[in-house]
Amino acid sequence: NFSCDVDIFKNGNDILVRFYDKCREQSEEQITNLVIVEPGFGYMCLKFKGNDRLLSGWLDKNIFFQEDMVKSAIAFVESLSPLSAGAYLPHHIDLILRDSYVEYNGEY
């Protein structure tokens, strides 16, 4: 019962996926003096090293709070490349809880 927006970036066979909520991002017209940059819900990177594949990344534990949600995100990223079909694909996904942040908005 969960969905989010994704951006997909490709570099050769490698794929980077950003999970986020499009409604929380500023439009071009809203970018003025004070900008709060939305980091999104996480990233996953599917890397190809020769014949090997590796999946790594992080997800926000407040959003991906159930193991099935994490597994669904992994399955989604794997589905983006036909080279992943039936392949051994070790993965390491960190579940993070944000406790602080560093921000620069051009006014400090």
PDB file of N, CA and C in Angstrom:
ATOM      1  N   ASN A   1       0.820  -1.199   0.000  1.00  0.00           N
ATOM      2  CA  ASN A   1       0.000   0.000   0.000  1.00  0.00           C
ATOM      3  C   ASN A   1       0.859   1.255   0.000  1.00  0.00           C
ATOM      4  N   PHE A   2       2.014   1.189  -0.608  1.00  0.00           N
ATOM      5  CA  PHE A   2       2.940   2.314  -0.616  1.00  0.00           C
ATOM      6  C   PHE A   2       3.435   2.545  -2.030  1.00  0.00           C
ATOM      7  N   SER A   3       3.544   3.803  -2.383  1.00  0.00           N
ATOM      8  CA  SER A   3       4.169   4.140  -3.659  1.00  0.00           C
ATOM      9  C   SER A   3       4.933   5.444  -3.487  1.00  0.00           C
ATOM     10  N   CYS A   4       5.921   5.640  -4.333  1.00  0.00           N
ATOM     11  CA  CYS A   4       6.677   6.885  -4.324  1.00  0.00           C
ATOM     12  C   CYS A   4       7.182   7.132  -5.731  1.00  0.00           C
ATOM     13  N   ASP A   5       7.676   8.330  -5.935  1.00  0.00           N
ATOM     14  CA  ASP A   5       8.242   8.684  -7.234  1.00  0.00           C
ATOM     15  C   ASP A   5       9.685   8.188  -7.295  1.00  0.00           C
ATOM     16  N   VAL A   6      10.162   7.948  -8.501  1.00  0.00           N
ATOM     17  CA  VAL A   6      11.546   7.521  -8.687  1.00  0.00           C
ATOM     18  C   VAL A   6      12.165   8.281  -9.857  1.00  0.00           C
ATOM     19  N   ASP A   7      13.441   8.554  -9.715  1.00  0.00           N
ATOM     20  CA  ASP A   7      14.257   9.021 -10.826  1.00  0.00           C
ATOM     21  C   ASP A   7      15.239   7.900 -11.113  1.00  0.00           C
ATOM     22  N   ILE A   8      15.465   7.621 -12.377  1.00  0.00           N
ATOM     23  CA  ILE A   8      16.368   6.548 -12.776  1.00  0.00           C
ATOM     24  C   ILE A   8      17.481   7.160 -13.626  1.00  0.00           C
ATOM     25  N   PHE A   9      18.718   6.920 -13.190  1.00  0.00           N
ATOM     26  CA  PHE A   9      19.886   7.423 -13.901  1.00  0.00           C
ATOM     27  C   PHE A   9      20.716   6.227 -14.355  1.00  0.00           C
ATOM     28  N   LYS A  10      21.190   6.271 -15.604  1.00  0.00           N
ATOM     29  CA  LYS A  10      21.974   5.160 -16.149  1.00  0.00           C
ATOM     30  C   LYS A  10      23.349   5.642 -16.571  1.00  0.00           C
ATOM     31  N   ASN A  11      24.339   4.780 -16.360  1.00  0.00           N
ATOM     32  CA  ASN A  11      25.702   5.011 -16.817  1.00  0.00           C
ATOM     33  C   ASN A  11      26.207   3.662 -17.325  1.00  0.00           C
ATOM     34  N   GLY A  12      26.159   3.464 -18.623  1.00  0.00           N
ATOM     35  CA  GLY A  12      26.460   2.142 -19.172  1.00  0.00           C
ATOM     36  C   GLY A  12      25.394   1.169 -18.691  1.00  0.00           C
ATOM     37  N   ASN A  13      25.810   0.058 -18.077  1.00  0.00           N
ATOM     38  CA  ASN A  13      24.856  -0.895 -17.513  1.00  0.00           C
ATOM     39  C   ASN A  13      24.449  -0.541 -16.089  1.00  0.00           C
ATOM     40  N   ASP A  14      25.221   0.341 -15.425  1.00  0.00           N
ATOM     41  CA  ASP A  14      24.939   0.709 -14.044  1.00  0.00           C
ATOM     42  C   ASP A  14      23.678   1.559 -13.963  1.00  0.00           C
ATOM     43  N   ILE A  15      22.932   1.375 -12.862  1.00  0.00           N
ATOM     44  CA  ILE A  15      21.673   2.098 -12.679  1.00  0.00           C
ATOM     45  C   ILE A  15      21.643   2.672 -11.267  1.00  0.00           C
ATOM     46  N   LEU A  16      21.272   3.952 -11.152  1.00  0.00           N
ATOM     47  CA  LEU A  16      21.063   4.598  -9.867  1.00  0.00           C
ATOM     48  C   LEU A  16      19.599   5.003  -9.794  1.00  0.00           C
ATOM     49  N   VAL A  17      18.942   4.640  -8.695  1.00  0.00           N
ATOM     50  CA  VAL A  17      17.520   4.952  -8.529  1.00  0.00           C
ATOM     51  C   VAL A  17      17.356   5.817  -7.284  1.00  0.00           C
ATOM     52  N   ARG A  18      16.673   6.922  -7.446  1.00  0.00           N
ATOM     53  CA  ARG A  18      16.344   7.817  -6.329  1.00  0.00           C
ATOM     54  C   ARG A  18      14.865   7.671  -6.011  1.00  0.00           C
ATOM     55  N   PHE A  19      14.545   7.409  -4.750  1.00  0.00           N
ATOM     56  CA  PHE A  19      13.169   7.293  -4.273  1.00  0.00           C
ATOM     57  C   PHE A  19      12.799   8.602  -3.572  1.00  0.00           C
ATOM     58  N   TYR A  20      11.640   9.187  -3.911  1.00  0.00           N
ATOM     59  CA  TYR A  20      11.259  10.472  -3.330  1.00  0.00           C
ATOM     60  C   TYR A  20       9.771  10.737  -3.521  1.00  0.00           C
ATOM     61  N   ASP A  21       9.304  11.885  -2.984  1.00  0.00           N
ATOM     62  CA  ASP A  21       7.928  12.346  -3.154  1.00  0.00           C
ATOM     63  C   ASP A  21       7.973  13.631  -3.968  1.00  0.00           C
ATOM     64  N   LYS A  22       7.494  13.573  -5.179  1.00  0.00           N
ATOM     65  CA  LYS A  22       7.539  14.718  -6.098  1.00  0.00           C
ATOM     66  C   LYS A  22       6.808  15.935  -5.531  1.00  0.00           C
ATOM     67  N   CYS A  23       5.777  15.716  -4.735  1.00  0.00           N
ATOM     68  CA  CYS A  23       5.004  16.823  -4.168  1.00  0.00           C
ATOM     69  C   CYS A  23       5.811  17.655  -3.174  1.00  0.00           C
ATOM     70  N   ARG A  24       6.869  17.098  -2.611  1.00  0.00           N
ATOM     71  CA  ARG A  24       7.670  17.798  -1.608  1.00  0.00           C
ATOM     72  C   ARG A  24       8.844  18.578  -2.214  1.00  0.00           C
ATOM     73  N   GLU A  25       8.998  18.529  -3.512  1.00  0.00           N
ATOM     74  CA  GLU A  25      10.103  19.223  -4.170  1.00  0.00           C
ATOM     75  C   GLU A  25       9.635  20.554  -4.745  1.00  0.00           C
ATOM     76  N   GLN A  26      10.551  21.538  -4.737  1.00  0.00           N
ATOM     77  CA  GLN A  26      10.222  22.847  -5.273  1.00  0.00           C
ATOM     78  C   GLN A  26      10.177  22.809  -6.798  1.00  0.00           C
ATOM     79  N   SER A  27       9.289  23.606  -7.327  1.00  0.00           N
ATOM     80  CA  SER A  27       9.291  23.808  -8.777  1.00  0.00           C
ATOM     81  C   SER A  27      10.352  24.853  -9.097  1.00  0.00           C
ATOM     82  N   GLU A  28      10.668  25.009 -10.351  1.00  0.00           N
ATOM     83  CA  GLU A  28      11.681  25.981 -10.752  1.00  0.00           C
ATOM     84  C   GLU A  28      11.298  27.393 -10.308  1.00  0.00           C
ATOM     85  N   GLU A  29       9.996  27.711 -10.353  1.00  0.00           N
ATOM     86  CA  GLU A  29       9.526  29.045  -9.965  1.00  0.00           C
ATOM     87  C   GLU A  29       9.695  29.277  -8.464  1.00  0.00           C
ATOM     88  N   GLN A  30       9.711  28.221  -7.660  1.00  0.00           N
ATOM     89  CA  GLN A  30       9.808  28.357  -6.205  1.00  0.00           C
ATOM     90  C   GLN A  30      11.248  28.504  -5.713  1.00  0.00           C
ATOM     91  N   ILE A  31      12.217  28.260  -6.577  1.00  0.00           N
ATOM     92  CA  ILE A  31      13.608  28.350  -6.160  1.00  0.00           C
ATOM     93  C   ILE A  31      14.020  29.822  -6.187  1.00  0.00           C
ATOM     94  N   THR A  32      14.088  30.428  -4.985  1.00  0.00           N
ATOM     95  CA  THR A  32      14.474  31.842  -4.872  1.00  0.00           C
ATOM     96  C   THR A  32      15.586  31.957  -3.838  1.00  0.00           C
ATOM     97  N   ASN A  33      15.391  32.768  -2.821  1.00  0.00           N
ATOM     98  CA  ASN A  33      16.442  33.012  -1.838  1.00  0.00           C
ATOM     99  C   ASN A  33      16.626  31.866  -0.838  1.00  0.00           C
ATOM    100  N   LEU A  34      15.568  31.330  -0.334  1.00  0.00           N
ATOM    101  CA  LEU A  34      15.662  30.282   0.678  1.00  0.00           C
ATOM    102  C   LEU A  34      15.123  28.985   0.098  1.00  0.00           C
ATOM    103  N   VAL A  35      15.976  28.002  -0.033  1.00  0.00           N
ATOM    104  CA  VAL A  35      15.590  26.731  -0.632  1.00  0.00           C
ATOM    105  C   VAL A  35      15.848  25.618   0.372  1.00  0.00           C
ATOM    106  N   ILE A  36      14.850  24.828   0.651  1.00  0.00           N
ATOM    107  CA  ILE A  36      15.016  23.624   1.454  1.00  0.00           C
ATOM    108  C   ILE A  36      15.079  22.466   0.470  1.00  0.00           C
ATOM    109  N   VAL A  37      16.228  21.836   0.373  1.00  0.00           N
ATOM    110  CA  VAL A  37      16.430  20.771  -0.604  1.00  0.00           C
ATOM    111  C   VAL A  37      15.947  19.460   0.000  1.00  0.00           C
ATOM    112  N   GLU A  38      15.018  18.825  -0.641  1.00  0.00           N
ATOM    113  CA  GLU A  38      14.449  17.557  -0.174  1.00  0.00           C
ATOM    114  C   GLU A  38      15.371  16.407  -0.579  1.00  0.00           C
ATOM    115  N   PRO A  39      15.950  15.689   0.388  1.00  0.00           N
ATOM    116  CA  PRO A  39      16.878  14.614   0.031  1.00  0.00           C
ATOM    117  C   PRO A  39      16.203  13.340  -0.474  1.00  0.00           C
ATOM    118  N   GLY A  40      14.910  13.235  -0.308  1.00  0.00           N
ATOM    119  CA  GLY A  40      14.220  12.036  -0.771  1.00  0.00           C
ATOM    120  C   GLY A  40      14.230  10.925   0.259  1.00  0.00           C
ATOM    121  N   PHE A  41      13.793   9.758  -0.175  1.00  0.00           N
ATOM    122  CA  PHE A  41      13.632   8.612   0.718  1.00  0.00           C
ATOM    123  C   PHE A  41      14.788   7.634   0.627  1.00  0.00           C
ATOM    124  N   GLY A  42      15.699   7.835  -0.312  1.00  0.00           N
ATOM    125  CA  GLY A  42      16.844   6.951  -0.416  1.00  0.00           C
ATOM    126  C   GLY A  42      17.294   6.749  -1.847  1.00  0.00           C
ATOM    127  N   TYR A  43      18.391   6.014  -1.957  1.00  0.00           N
ATOM    128  CA  TYR A  43      19.000   5.720  -3.249  1.00  0.00           C
ATOM    129  C   TYR A  43      19.430   4.259  -3.276  1.00  0.00           C
ATOM    130  N   MET A  44      19.389   3.672  -4.444  1.00  0.00           N
ATOM    131  CA  MET A  44      19.966   2.348  -4.658  1.00  0.00           C
ATOM    132  C   MET A  44      20.767   2.382  -5.947  1.00  0.00           C
ATOM    133  N   CYS A  45      21.898   1.691  -5.924  1.00  0.00           N
ATOM    134  CA  CYS A  45      22.784   1.658  -7.076  1.00  0.00           C
ATOM    135  C   CYS A  45      23.039   0.210  -7.473  1.00  0.00           C
ATOM    136  N   LEU A  46      22.706  -0.117  -8.693  1.00  0.00           N
ATOM    137  CA  LEU A  46      22.964  -1.442  -9.259  1.00  0.00           C
ATOM    138  C   LEU A  46      24.213  -1.319 -10.125  1.00  0.00           C
ATOM    139  N   LYS A  47      25.313  -1.939  -9.666  1.00  0.00           N
ATOM    140  CA  LYS A  47      26.604  -1.852 -10.352  1.00  0.00           C
ATOM    141  C   LYS A  47      26.929  -3.170 -11.036  1.00  0.00           C
ATOM    142  N   PHE A  48      27.548  -3.063 -12.196  1.00  0.00           N
ATOM    143  CA  PHE A  48      28.001  -4.236 -12.940  1.00  0.00           C
ATOM    144  C   PHE A  48      29.525  -4.215 -12.959  1.00  0.00           C
ATOM    145  N   LYS A  49      30.138  -5.264 -12.431  1.00  0.00           N
ATOM    146  CA  LYS A  49      31.590  -5.420 -12.391  1.00  0.00           C
ATOM    147  C   LYS A  49      31.931  -6.682 -13.160  1.00  0.00           C
ATOM    148  N   GLY A  50      32.266  -6.551 -14.440  1.00  0.00           N
ATOM    149  CA  GLY A  50      32.487  -7.727 -15.271  1.00  0.00           C
ATOM    150  C   GLY A  50      31.199  -8.524 -15.371  1.00  0.00           C
ATOM    151  N   ASN A  51      31.240  -9.783 -14.973  1.00  0.00           N
ATOM    152  CA  ASN A  51      30.040 -10.623 -14.988  1.00  0.00           C
ATOM    153  C   ASN A  51      29.277 -10.568 -13.664  1.00  0.00           C
ATOM    154  N   ASP A  52      29.779  -9.804 -12.699  1.00  0.00           N
ATOM    155  CA  ASP A  52      29.150  -9.713 -11.382  1.00  0.00           C
ATOM    156  C   ASP A  52      28.254  -8.495 -11.284  1.00  0.00           C
ATOM    157  N   ARG A  53      27.256  -8.597 -10.403  1.00  0.00           N
ATOM    158  CA  ARG A  53      26.335  -7.503 -10.150  1.00  0.00           C
ATOM    159  C   ARG A  53      26.298  -7.248  -8.650  1.00  0.00           C
ATOM    160  N   LEU A  54      26.207  -5.984  -8.256  1.00  0.00           N
ATOM    161  CA  LEU A  54      26.141  -5.609  -6.852  1.00  0.00           C
ATOM    162  C   LEU A  54      25.065  -4.546  -6.674  1.00  0.00           C
ATOM    163  N   LEU A  55      24.304  -4.645  -5.607  1.00  0.00           N
ATOM    164  CA  LEU A  55      23.257  -3.667  -5.314  1.00  0.00           C
ATOM    165  C   LEU A  55      23.524  -3.096  -3.931  1.00  0.00           C
ATOM    166  N   SER A  56      23.628  -1.775  -3.854  1.00  0.00           N
ATOM    167  CA  SER A  56      23.860  -1.133  -2.569  1.00  0.00           C
ATOM    168  C   SER A  56      23.043   0.146  -2.488  1.00  0.00           C
ATOM    169  N   GLY A  57      22.975   0.704  -1.280  1.00  0.00           N
ATOM    170  CA  GLY A  57      22.265   1.958  -1.121  1.00  0.00           C
ATOM    171  C   GLY A  57      21.770   2.166   0.282  1.00  0.00           C
ATOM    172  N   TRP A  58      20.892   3.153   0.422  1.00  0.00           N
ATOM    173  CA  TRP A  58      20.263   3.424   1.713  1.00  0.00           C
ATOM    174  C   TRP A  58      18.813   3.808   1.494  1.00  0.00           C
ATOM    175  N   LEU A  59      18.003   3.523   2.499  1.00  0.00           N
ATOM    176  CA  LEU A  59      16.587   3.897   2.487  1.00  0.00           C
ATOM    177  C   LEU A  59      16.235   4.490   3.844  1.00  0.00           C
ATOM    178  N   ASP A  60      15.343   5.450   3.842  1.00  0.00           N
ATOM    179  CA  ASP A  60      14.864   6.078   5.074  1.00  0.00           C
ATOM    180  C   ASP A  60      13.956   5.093   5.813  1.00  0.00           C
ATOM    181  N   LYS A  61      14.366   4.733   7.027  1.00  0.00           N
ATOM    182  CA  LYS A  61      13.621   3.741   7.806  1.00  0.00           C
ATOM    183  C   LYS A  61      12.237   4.247   8.230  1.00  0.00           C
ATOM    184  N   ASN A  62      12.040   5.559   8.284  1.00  0.00           N
ATOM    185  CA  ASN A  62      10.714   6.097   8.605  1.00  0.00           C
ATOM    186  C   ASN A  62       9.732   5.889   7.459  1.00  0.00           C
ATOM    187  N   ILE A  63      10.247   5.743   6.248  1.00  0.00           N
ATOM    188  CA  ILE A  63       9.400   5.523   5.073  1.00  0.00           C
ATOM    189  C   ILE A  63       9.322   4.033   4.751  1.00  0.00           C
ATOM    190  N   PHE A  64      10.468   3.385   4.675  1.00  0.00           N
ATOM    191  CA  PHE A  64      10.542   1.947   4.372  1.00  0.00           C
ATOM    192  C   PHE A  64      10.632   1.186   5.704  1.00  0.00           C
ATOM    193  N   PHE A  65       9.528   1.197   6.460  1.00  0.00           N
ATOM    194  CA  PHE A  65       9.540   0.670   7.823  1.00  0.00           C
ATOM    195  C   PHE A  65       9.190  -0.809   7.913  1.00  0.00           C
ATOM    196  N   GLN A  66       8.810  -1.426   6.815  1.00  0.00           N
ATOM    197  CA  GLN A  66       8.519  -2.859   6.802  1.00  0.00           C
ATOM    198  C   GLN A  66       9.492  -3.558   5.858  1.00  0.00           C
ATOM    199  N   GLU A  67       9.888  -4.762   6.238  1.00  0.00           N
ATOM    200  CA  GLU A  67      10.838  -5.521   5.419  1.00  0.00           C
ATOM    201  C   GLU A  67      10.310  -5.751   4.007  1.00  0.00           C
ATOM    202  N   ASP A  68       9.005  -5.963   3.866  1.00  0.00           N
ATOM    203  CA  ASP A  68       8.420  -6.167   2.535  1.00  0.00           C
ATOM    204  C   ASP A  68       8.589  -4.945   1.644  1.00  0.00           C
ATOM    205  N   MET A  69       8.566  -3.759   2.240  1.00  0.00           N
ATOM    206  CA  MET A  69       8.750  -2.531   1.460  1.00  0.00           C
ATOM    207  C   MET A  69      10.178  -2.462   0.916  1.00  0.00           C
ATOM    208  N   VAL A  70      11.147  -2.854   1.733  1.00  0.00           N
ATOM    209  CA  VAL A  70      12.542  -2.866   1.297  1.00  0.00           C
ATOM    210  C   VAL A  70      12.723  -3.904   0.195  1.00  0.00           C
ATOM    211  N   LYS A  71      12.150  -5.084   0.387  1.00  0.00           N
ATOM    212  CA  LYS A  71      12.249  -6.135  -0.627  1.00  0.00           C
ATOM    213  C   LYS A  71      11.608  -5.698  -1.942  1.00  0.00           C
ATOM    214  N   SER A  72      10.503  -4.982  -1.859  1.00  0.00           N
ATOM    215  CA  SER A  72       9.852  -4.481  -3.078  1.00  0.00           C
ATOM    216  C   SER A  72      10.730  -3.473  -3.802  1.00  0.00           C
ATOM    217  N   ALA A  73      11.398  -2.600  -3.045  1.00  0.00           N
ATOM    218  CA  ALA A  73      12.305  -1.623  -3.665  1.00  0.00           C
ATOM    219  C   ALA A  73      13.468  -2.339  -4.345  1.00  0.00           C
ATOM    220  N   ILE A  74      14.016  -3.359  -3.688  1.00  0.00           N
ATOM    221  CA  ILE A  74      15.111  -4.136  -4.278  1.00  0.00           C
ATOM    222  C   ILE A  74      14.641  -4.817  -5.567  1.00  0.00           C
ATOM    223  N   ALA A  75      13.476  -5.447  -5.503  1.00  0.00           N
ATOM    224  CA  ALA A  75      12.932  -6.133  -6.681  1.00  0.00           C
ATOM    225  C   ALA A  75      12.690  -5.144  -7.824  1.00  0.00           C
ATOM    226  N   PHE A  76      12.225  -3.939  -7.496  1.00  0.00           N
ATOM    227  CA  PHE A  76      11.989  -2.930  -8.528  1.00  0.00           C
ATOM    228  C   PHE A  76      13.288  -2.573  -9.238  1.00  0.00           C
ATOM    229  N   VAL A  77      14.350  -2.310  -8.457  1.00  0.00           N
ATOM    230  CA  VAL A  77      15.628  -1.936  -9.062  1.00  0.00           C
ATOM    231  C   VAL A  77      16.167  -3.087  -9.906  1.00  0.00           C
ATOM    232  N   GLU A  78      16.073  -4.302  -9.405  1.00  0.00           N
ATOM    233  CA  GLU A  78      16.531  -5.467 -10.173  1.00  0.00           C
ATOM    234  C   GLU A  78      15.776  -5.593 -11.485  1.00  0.00           C
ATOM    235  N   SER A  79      14.487  -5.255 -11.471  1.00  0.00           N
ATOM    236  CA  SER A  79      13.656  -5.401 -12.680  1.00  0.00           C
ATOM    237  C   SER A  79      14.023  -4.407 -13.774  1.00  0.00           C
ATOM    238  N   LEU A  80      14.783  -3.385 -13.449  1.00  0.00           N
ATOM    239  CA  LEU A  80      15.130  -2.352 -14.431  1.00  0.00           C
ATOM    240  C   LEU A  80      16.172  -2.802 -15.438  1.00  0.00           C
ATOM    241  N   SER A  81      16.874  -3.895 -15.135  1.00  0.00           N
ATOM    242  CA  SER A  81      17.912  -4.364 -16.057  1.00  0.00           C
ATOM    243  C   SER A  81      17.669  -5.815 -16.439  1.00  0.00           C
ATOM    244  N   PRO A  82      17.546  -6.098 -17.727  1.00  0.00           N
ATOM    245  CA  PRO A  82      17.398  -7.489 -18.149  1.00  0.00           C
ATOM    246  C   PRO A  82      18.642  -8.327 -17.812  1.00  0.00           C
ATOM    247  N   LEU A  83      19.777  -7.665 -17.580  1.00  0.00           N
ATOM    248  CA  LEU A  83      21.001  -8.379 -17.217  1.00  0.00           C
ATOM    249  C   LEU A  83      20.932  -8.957 -15.804  1.00  0.00           C
ATOM    250  N   SER A  84      19.948  -8.526 -15.015  1.00  0.00           N
ATOM    251  CA  SER A  84      19.800  -9.035 -13.653  1.00  0.00           C
ATOM    252  C   SER A  84      18.960 -10.303 -13.580  1.00  0.00           C
ATOM    253  N   ALA A  85      18.235 -10.600 -14.634  1.00  0.00           N
ATOM    254  CA  ALA A  85      17.327 -11.759 -14.620  1.00  0.00           C
ATOM    255  C   ALA A  85      18.095 -13.046 -14.339  1.00  0.00           C
ATOM    256  N   GLY A  86      17.738 -13.701 -13.250  1.00  0.00           N
ATOM    257  CA  GLY A  86      18.337 -14.984 -12.900  1.00  0.00           C
ATOM    258  C   GLY A  86      19.764 -14.907 -12.410  1.00  0.00           C
ATOM    259  N   ALA A  87      20.303 -13.700 -12.228  1.00  0.00           N
ATOM    260  CA  ALA A  87      21.700 -13.547 -11.817  1.00  0.00           C
ATOM    261  C   ALA A  87      21.818 -13.536 -10.298  1.00  0.00           C
ATOM    262  N   TYR A  88      22.946 -14.005  -9.802  1.00  0.00           N
ATOM    263  CA  TYR A  88      23.270 -13.871  -8.384  1.00  0.00           C
ATOM    264  C   TYR A  88      23.530 -12.399  -8.118  1.00  0.00           C
ATOM    265  N   LEU A  89      22.808 -11.810  -7.170  1.00  0.00           N
ATOM    266  CA  LEU A  89      22.894 -10.376  -6.953  1.00  0.00           C
ATOM    267  C   LEU A  89      22.977 -10.066  -5.458  1.00  0.00           C
ATOM    268  N   PRO A  90      24.200 -10.086  -4.890  1.00  0.00           N
ATOM    269  CA  PRO A  90      24.324  -9.721  -3.479  1.00  0.00           C
ATOM    270  C   PRO A  90      23.976  -8.249  -3.292  1.00  0.00           C
ATOM    271  N   HIS A  91      23.416  -7.940  -2.130  1.00  0.00           N
ATOM    272  CA  HIS A  91      23.051  -6.548  -1.888  1.00  0.00           C
ATOM    273  C   HIS A  91      23.290  -6.165  -0.429  1.00  0.00           C
ATOM    274  N   HIS A  92      23.454  -4.871  -0.223  1.00  0.00           N
ATOM    275  CA  HIS A  92      23.581  -4.280   1.101  1.00  0.00           C
ATOM    276  C   HIS A  92      22.841  -2.952   1.069  1.00  0.00           C
ATOM    277  N   ILE A  93      21.737  -2.891   1.790  1.00  0.00           N
ATOM    278  CA  ILE A  93      20.924  -1.680   1.851  1.00  0.00           C
ATOM    279  C   ILE A  93      20.882  -1.227   3.309  1.00  0.00           C
ATOM    280  N   ASP A  94      21.377  -0.018   3.582  1.00  0.00           N
ATOM    281  CA  ASP A  94      21.308   0.539   4.932  1.00  0.00           C
ATOM    282  C   ASP A  94      19.945   1.169   5.144  1.00  0.00           C
ATOM    283  N   LEU A  95      19.353   0.918   6.291  1.00  0.00           N
ATOM    284  CA  LEU A  95      18.136   1.612   6.703  1.00  0.00           C
ATOM    285  C   LEU A  95      18.580   2.685   7.683  1.00  0.00           C
ATOM    286  N   ILE A  96      18.307   3.928   7.357  1.00  0.00           N
ATOM    287  CA  ILE A  96      18.815   5.025   8.169  1.00  0.00           C
ATOM    288  C   ILE A  96      17.683   5.773   8.864  1.00  0.00           C
ATOM    289  N   LEU A  97      18.008   6.340  10.014  1.00  0.00           N
ATOM    290  CA  LEU A  97      17.143   7.280  10.717  1.00  0.00           C
ATOM    291  C   LEU A  97      17.902   8.598  10.778  1.00  0.00           C
ATOM    292  N   ARG A  98      17.321   9.642  10.248  1.00  0.00           N
ATOM    293  CA  ARG A  98      17.987  10.947  10.241  1.00  0.00           C
ATOM    294  C   ARG A  98      17.925  11.556  11.643  1.00  0.00           C
ATOM    295  N   ASP A  99      19.058  12.055  12.103  1.00  0.00           N
ATOM    296  CA  ASP A  99      19.045  12.734  13.395  1.00  0.00           C
ATOM    297  C   ASP A  99      19.530  14.174  13.294  1.00  0.00           C
ATOM    298  N   SER A 100      20.123  14.539  12.165  1.00  0.00           N
ATOM    299  CA  SER A 100      20.529  15.916  11.924  1.00  0.00           C
ATOM    300  C   SER A 100      20.858  16.069  10.445  1.00  0.00           C
ATOM    301  N   TYR A 101      21.180  17.289  10.058  1.00  0.00           N
ATOM    302  CA  TYR A 101      21.546  17.525   8.671  1.00  0.00           C
ATOM    303  C   TYR A 101      22.410  18.774   8.588  1.00  0.00           C
ATOM    304  N   VAL A 102      23.094  18.908   7.484  1.00  0.00           N
ATOM    305  CA  VAL A 102      23.890  20.085   7.188  1.00  0.00           C
ATOM    306  C   VAL A 102      23.265  20.743   5.970  1.00  0.00           C
ATOM    307  N   GLU A 103      23.062  22.043   6.033  1.00  0.00           N
ATOM    308  CA  GLU A 103      22.366  22.726   4.946  1.00  0.00           C
ATOM    309  C   GLU A 103      23.065  24.037   4.628  1.00  0.00           C
ATOM    310  N   TYR A 104      23.105  24.364   3.372  1.00  0.00           N
ATOM    311  CA  TYR A 104      23.593  25.679   2.923  1.00  0.00           C
ATOM    312  C   TYR A 104      22.584  26.234   1.948  1.00  0.00           C
ATOM    313  N   ASN A 105      22.109  27.441   2.188  1.00  0.00           N
ATOM    314  CA  ASN A 105      21.115  28.021   1.288  1.00  0.00           C
ATOM    315  C   ASN A 105      21.581  29.323   0.645  1.00  0.00           C
ATOM    316  N   GLY A 106      22.884  29.640   0.777  1.00  0.00           N
ATOM    317  CA  GLY A 106      23.421  30.825   0.145  1.00  0.00           C
ATOM    318  C   GLY A 106      23.295  32.085   0.982  1.00  0.00           C
ATOM    319  N   GLU A 107      22.641  32.010   2.138  1.00  0.00           N
ATOM    320  CA  GLU A 107      22.442  33.209   2.966  1.00  0.00           C
ATOM    321  C   GLU A 107      23.364  33.251   4.175  1.00  0.00           C
ATOM    322  N   TYR A 108      24.098  32.227   4.466  1.00  0.00           N
ATOM    323  CA  TYR A 108      24.928  32.211   5.678  1.00  0.00           C
ATOM    324  C   TYR A 108      26.264  32.845   5.405  1.00  0.00           C
TER     325      TYR A 108
END
